[in-house]
């Protein structure tokens, strides 16, 4: 798919009442969907931006998906910082209940000469355990990528399982000499170019919002 194809979409929010016929090989890694086969199932979901009353529901999804509170605390910190964009904080709602969540936050890729390139980081993404295996995580990420591009983003980074994120056209960031600020397993730090040549001459270390560092410190 050509990166410019994201511009072909006109939706901003949508209700997913569609027939899905695909094989999802989504391993259960960091709260992502587990592997399953989905065939011709109607999914009445609404994907929309986070609203003020959604905080508790989002925290419940993250705590359930990751079996800990770290990710919920991370989102709370970001929500109360300058790194928060409600249009890139998306929830999946079914029958009034938040069942999935994804967040995109601003980062910079800083080269050795201190030249900086703006980008977005995809983290976290999660689905309630009883709603996994239905493609919700995929729909959330695709909508988030679409909105990110609409808002002018050209690059997105993610720390996650390569087999899962390649479906969204993420590639190994190492190929472009783009490094995470932490030690991670080989191939797990990935990058997505939303426009042709967006990664040309871009290299260096990705610097995340302070909230990520604060959360990492509490885990040590």
Protein backbone atom coordinates (compact mmCIF):
# COMPACT_ATOMS: atom_id res chain seq x y z
CA UNK A 1 0.00 0.00 0.00
CA UNK A 2 1.31 3.42 -0.93
CA UNK A 3 1.66 5.72 2.12
CA UNK A 4 -0.41 8.35 0.39
CA UNK A 5 -3.37 5.97 0.35
CA UNK A 6 -4.17 7.00 3.90
CA UNK A 7 -5.43 10.26 2.43
CA UNK A 8 -8.04 8.35 0.45
CA UNK A 9 -10.08 7.73 3.59
CA UNK A 10 -12.67 10.32 4.58
CA UNK A 11 -13.83 8.87 7.87
CA UNK A 12 -12.93 10.47 11.20
CA UNK A 13 -15.11 8.35 13.46
CA UNK A 14 -17.05 5.37 12.34
CA UNK A 15 -19.18 2.48 13.47
CA UNK A 16 -17.74 -0.79 12.32
CA UNK A 17 -20.70 -2.91 11.23
CA UNK A 18 -18.87 -4.98 8.73
CA UNK A 19 -18.21 -8.55 7.79
CA UNK A 20 -14.65 -9.58 8.49
CA UNK A 21 -13.17 -12.63 6.80
CA UNK A 22 -9.52 -13.01 7.68
CA UNK A 23 -7.03 -15.01 9.67
CA UNK A 24 -5.65 -13.04 12.59
CA UNK A 25 -2.33 -14.31 13.88
CA UNK A 26 -2.17 -11.85 16.78
CA UNK A 27 -0.07 -13.32 19.54
CA UNK A 28 -0.79 -12.26 23.08
CA UNK A 29 2.11 -9.89 23.65
CA UNK A 30 1.80 -6.87 25.94
CA UNK A 31 -1.97 -7.00 25.93
CA UNK A 32 -2.40 -7.47 22.18
CA UNK A 33 -4.83 -9.89 20.60
CA UNK A 34 -4.24 -13.60 20.79
CA UNK A 35 -4.09 -15.80 17.70
CA UNK A 36 -7.39 -16.88 16.17
CA UNK A 37 -9.38 -17.33 13.02
CA UNK A 38 -12.21 -14.85 12.41
CA UNK A 39 -14.78 -15.61 9.76
CA UNK A 40 -17.80 -13.56 8.72
CA UNK A 41 -18.68 -12.03 12.09
CA UNK A 42 -20.64 -8.79 12.41
CA UNK A 43 -18.87 -6.33 14.71
CA UNK A 44 -20.94 -3.41 16.08
CA UNK A 45 -18.12 -1.20 17.33
CA UNK A 46 -17.72 2.54 17.51
CA UNK A 47 -14.23 4.02 17.28
CA UNK A 48 -14.01 7.57 18.63
CA UNK A 49 -11.74 10.01 20.41
CA UNK A 50 -11.41 9.84 24.16
CA UNK A 51 -13.93 11.94 26.08
CA UNK A 52 -13.59 13.40 29.62
CA UNK A 53 -15.64 10.60 31.23
CA UNK A 54 -13.62 7.80 29.62
CA UNK A 55 -10.62 7.77 31.96
CA UNK A 56 -11.91 5.05 34.28
CA UNK A 57 -12.96 2.81 31.39
CA UNK A 58 -9.61 3.23 29.67
CA UNK A 59 -7.77 2.40 32.90
CA UNK A 60 -9.90 -0.74 33.28
CA UNK A 61 -9.03 -1.90 29.76
CA UNK A 62 -5.30 -1.32 30.28
CA UNK A 63 -5.21 -2.97 33.70
CA UNK A 64 -7.07 -6.00 32.39
CA UNK A 65 -4.95 -6.34 29.25
CA UNK A 66 -1.56 -5.97 30.93
CA UNK A 67 -2.48 -7.47 34.33
CA UNK A 68 -0.87 -4.48 36.04
CA UNK A 69 -1.47 -0.75 36.51
CA UNK A 70 1.69 0.64 34.88
CA UNK A 71 0.12 1.35 31.48
CA UNK A 72 -2.95 2.95 33.06
CA UNK A 73 -0.68 5.20 35.12
CA UNK A 74 1.34 6.05 32.00
CA UNK A 75 -1.77 7.17 30.13
CA UNK A 76 -2.89 9.21 33.12
CA UNK A 77 0.46 11.01 33.19
CA UNK A 78 0.35 11.69 29.46
CA UNK A 79 -3.25 12.88 29.70
CA UNK A 80 -2.15 15.53 32.19
CA UNK A 81 0.84 16.67 30.15
CA UNK A 82 1.55 18.64 27.02
CA UNK A 83 2.12 15.37 25.17
CA UNK A 84 -1.60 14.53 25.12
CA UNK A 85 -3.72 14.90 22.00
CA UNK A 86 -7.32 13.71 22.56
CA UNK A 87 -7.78 13.19 18.82
CA UNK A 88 -5.06 10.53 18.93
CA UNK A 89 -6.38 8.88 22.09
CA UNK A 90 -8.92 6.43 20.69
CA UNK A 91 -11.41 4.11 22.32
CA UNK A 92 -13.44 1.25 20.91
CA UNK A 93 -16.94 1.19 22.41
CA UNK A 94 -19.49 -1.60 22.27
CA UNK A 95 -22.90 -1.20 23.90
CA UNK A 96 -21.63 1.76 25.92
CA UNK A 97 -18.60 -0.08 27.29
CA UNK A 98 -15.00 0.76 26.41
CA UNK A 99 -13.49 -2.50 25.16
CA UNK A 100 -10.30 -1.28 23.47
CA UNK A 101 -7.85 1.60 23.52
CA UNK A 102 -4.86 3.01 21.64
CA UNK A 103 -2.74 6.14 22.14
CA UNK A 104 -0.32 8.00 19.88
CA UNK A 105 2.05 10.49 21.55
CA UNK A 106 4.59 12.96 20.13
CA UNK A 107 8.27 12.00 20.13
CA UNK A 108 11.39 13.31 18.43
CA UNK A 109 14.15 11.44 16.64
CA UNK A 110 17.37 13.21 17.64
CA UNK A 111 20.53 12.77 15.59
CA UNK A 112 24.06 13.06 16.96
CA UNK A 113 24.25 16.64 15.66
CA UNK A 114 21.06 17.40 17.67
CA UNK A 115 18.96 17.71 14.53
CA UNK A 116 15.41 16.65 15.47
CA UNK A 117 12.65 15.04 13.43
CA UNK A 118 9.12 14.94 14.87
CA UNK A 119 7.29 11.64 14.99
CA UNK A 120 4.59 9.81 16.93
CA UNK A 121 4.85 6.78 19.21
CA UNK A 122 2.13 4.13 19.27
CA UNK A 123 1.73 3.04 22.91
CA UNK A 124 -0.12 1.55 24.56
CA UNK A 125 -2.75 -0.47 22.73
CA UNK A 126 -5.02 -2.87 24.56
CA UNK A 127 -8.27 -4.84 24.34
CA UNK A 128 -10.39 -6.27 27.15
CA UNK A 129 -9.64 -9.96 27.50
CA UNK A 130 -13.20 -11.08 26.73
CA UNK A 131 -13.21 -9.04 23.52
CA UNK A 132 -9.94 -10.30 22.04
CA UNK A 133 -9.72 -12.33 18.85
CA UNK A 134 -12.20 -10.03 17.12
CA UNK A 135 -9.87 -7.64 15.30
CA UNK A 136 -10.48 -4.70 17.63
CA UNK A 137 -6.78 -3.99 18.09
CA UNK A 138 -6.29 -3.96 14.33
CA UNK A 139 -9.16 -1.52 13.76
CA UNK A 140 -7.90 0.81 16.51
CA UNK A 141 -4.37 0.90 15.14
CA UNK A 142 -5.50 1.42 11.56
CA UNK A 143 -7.77 4.29 12.58
CA UNK A 144 -5.01 5.80 14.69
CA UNK A 145 -2.56 5.65 11.80
CA UNK A 146 -5.13 7.27 9.52
CA UNK A 147 -5.80 10.11 11.97
CA UNK A 148 -2.10 10.60 12.63
CA UNK A 149 -1.49 11.11 8.94
CA UNK A 150 -4.46 13.47 8.65
CA UNK A 151 -2.93 15.58 11.40
CA UNK A 152 0.36 15.83 9.54
CA UNK A 153 2.43 13.02 11.05
CA UNK A 154 4.94 11.42 8.70
CA UNK A 155 6.63 8.88 10.98
CA UNK A 156 5.34 6.53 13.70
CA UNK A 157 7.46 4.31 15.95
CA UNK A 158 6.37 1.37 18.04
CA UNK A 159 7.91 -1.14 20.42
CA UNK A 160 6.20 -4.43 19.79
CA UNK A 161 6.16 -7.85 18.22
CA UNK A 162 7.39 -7.67 14.61
CA UNK A 163 4.98 -10.35 13.41
CA UNK A 164 2.05 -8.26 14.60
CA UNK A 165 3.12 -4.84 13.40
CA UNK A 166 4.36 -5.82 9.97
CA UNK A 167 0.72 -6.07 8.91
CA UNK A 168 0.55 -2.29 9.32
CA UNK A 169 3.75 -1.90 7.24
CA UNK A 170 6.04 -1.18 10.18
CA UNK A 171 9.67 -2.05 9.51
CA UNK A 172 12.69 -2.57 11.69
CA UNK A 173 13.89 0.84 12.87
CA UNK A 174 17.45 -0.48 12.96
CA UNK A 175 17.51 -0.49 9.15
CA UNK A 176 17.17 3.31 9.28
CA UNK A 177 19.63 3.69 12.18
CA UNK A 178 16.80 4.79 14.48
CA UNK A 179 17.30 3.58 18.04
CA UNK A 180 15.02 3.29 21.09
CA UNK A 181 16.14 4.85 24.38
CA UNK A 182 16.12 1.42 26.03
CA UNK A 183 17.57 -1.99 25.31
CA UNK A 184 14.95 -4.07 23.50
CA UNK A 185 14.91 -7.46 21.75
CA UNK A 186 16.26 -7.48 18.21
CA UNK A 187 13.70 -6.29 15.68
CA UNK A 188 11.11 -5.22 18.23
CA UNK A 189 11.59 -1.48 17.76
CA UNK A 190 9.86 -0.56 14.52
CA UNK A 191 9.07 2.45 12.37
CA UNK A 192 6.37 3.34 9.84
CA UNK A 193 6.75 5.94 7.10
CA UNK A 194 3.45 7.59 6.22
CA UNK A 195 4.82 9.44 3.21
CA UNK A 196 7.32 8.65 0.50
CA UNK A 197 10.87 9.48 1.59
CA UNK A 198 9.74 10.53 5.07
CA UNK A 199 12.64 8.53 6.54
CA UNK A 200 15.29 9.85 4.16
CA UNK A 201 18.25 11.20 6.16
CA UNK A 202 16.39 10.52 9.43
CA UNK A 203 18.41 8.71 12.07
CA UNK A 204 19.22 8.90 15.74
CA UNK A 205 17.63 8.08 19.09
CA UNK A 206 13.93 8.44 19.77
CA UNK A 207 13.12 10.66 22.74
CA UNK A 208 9.78 9.95 24.41
CA UNK A 209 7.66 12.25 26.60
CA UNK A 210 8.77 12.46 30.23
CA UNK A 211 5.82 10.32 31.33
CA UNK A 212 7.41 7.25 29.75
CA UNK A 213 10.63 7.76 31.71
CA UNK A 214 8.73 8.32 34.96
CA UNK A 215 6.76 5.13 34.47
CA UNK A 216 9.93 3.17 33.62
CA UNK A 217 11.59 4.47 36.79
CA UNK A 218 8.74 3.14 38.95
CA UNK A 219 9.17 -0.33 37.44
CA UNK A 220 12.82 -0.57 38.49
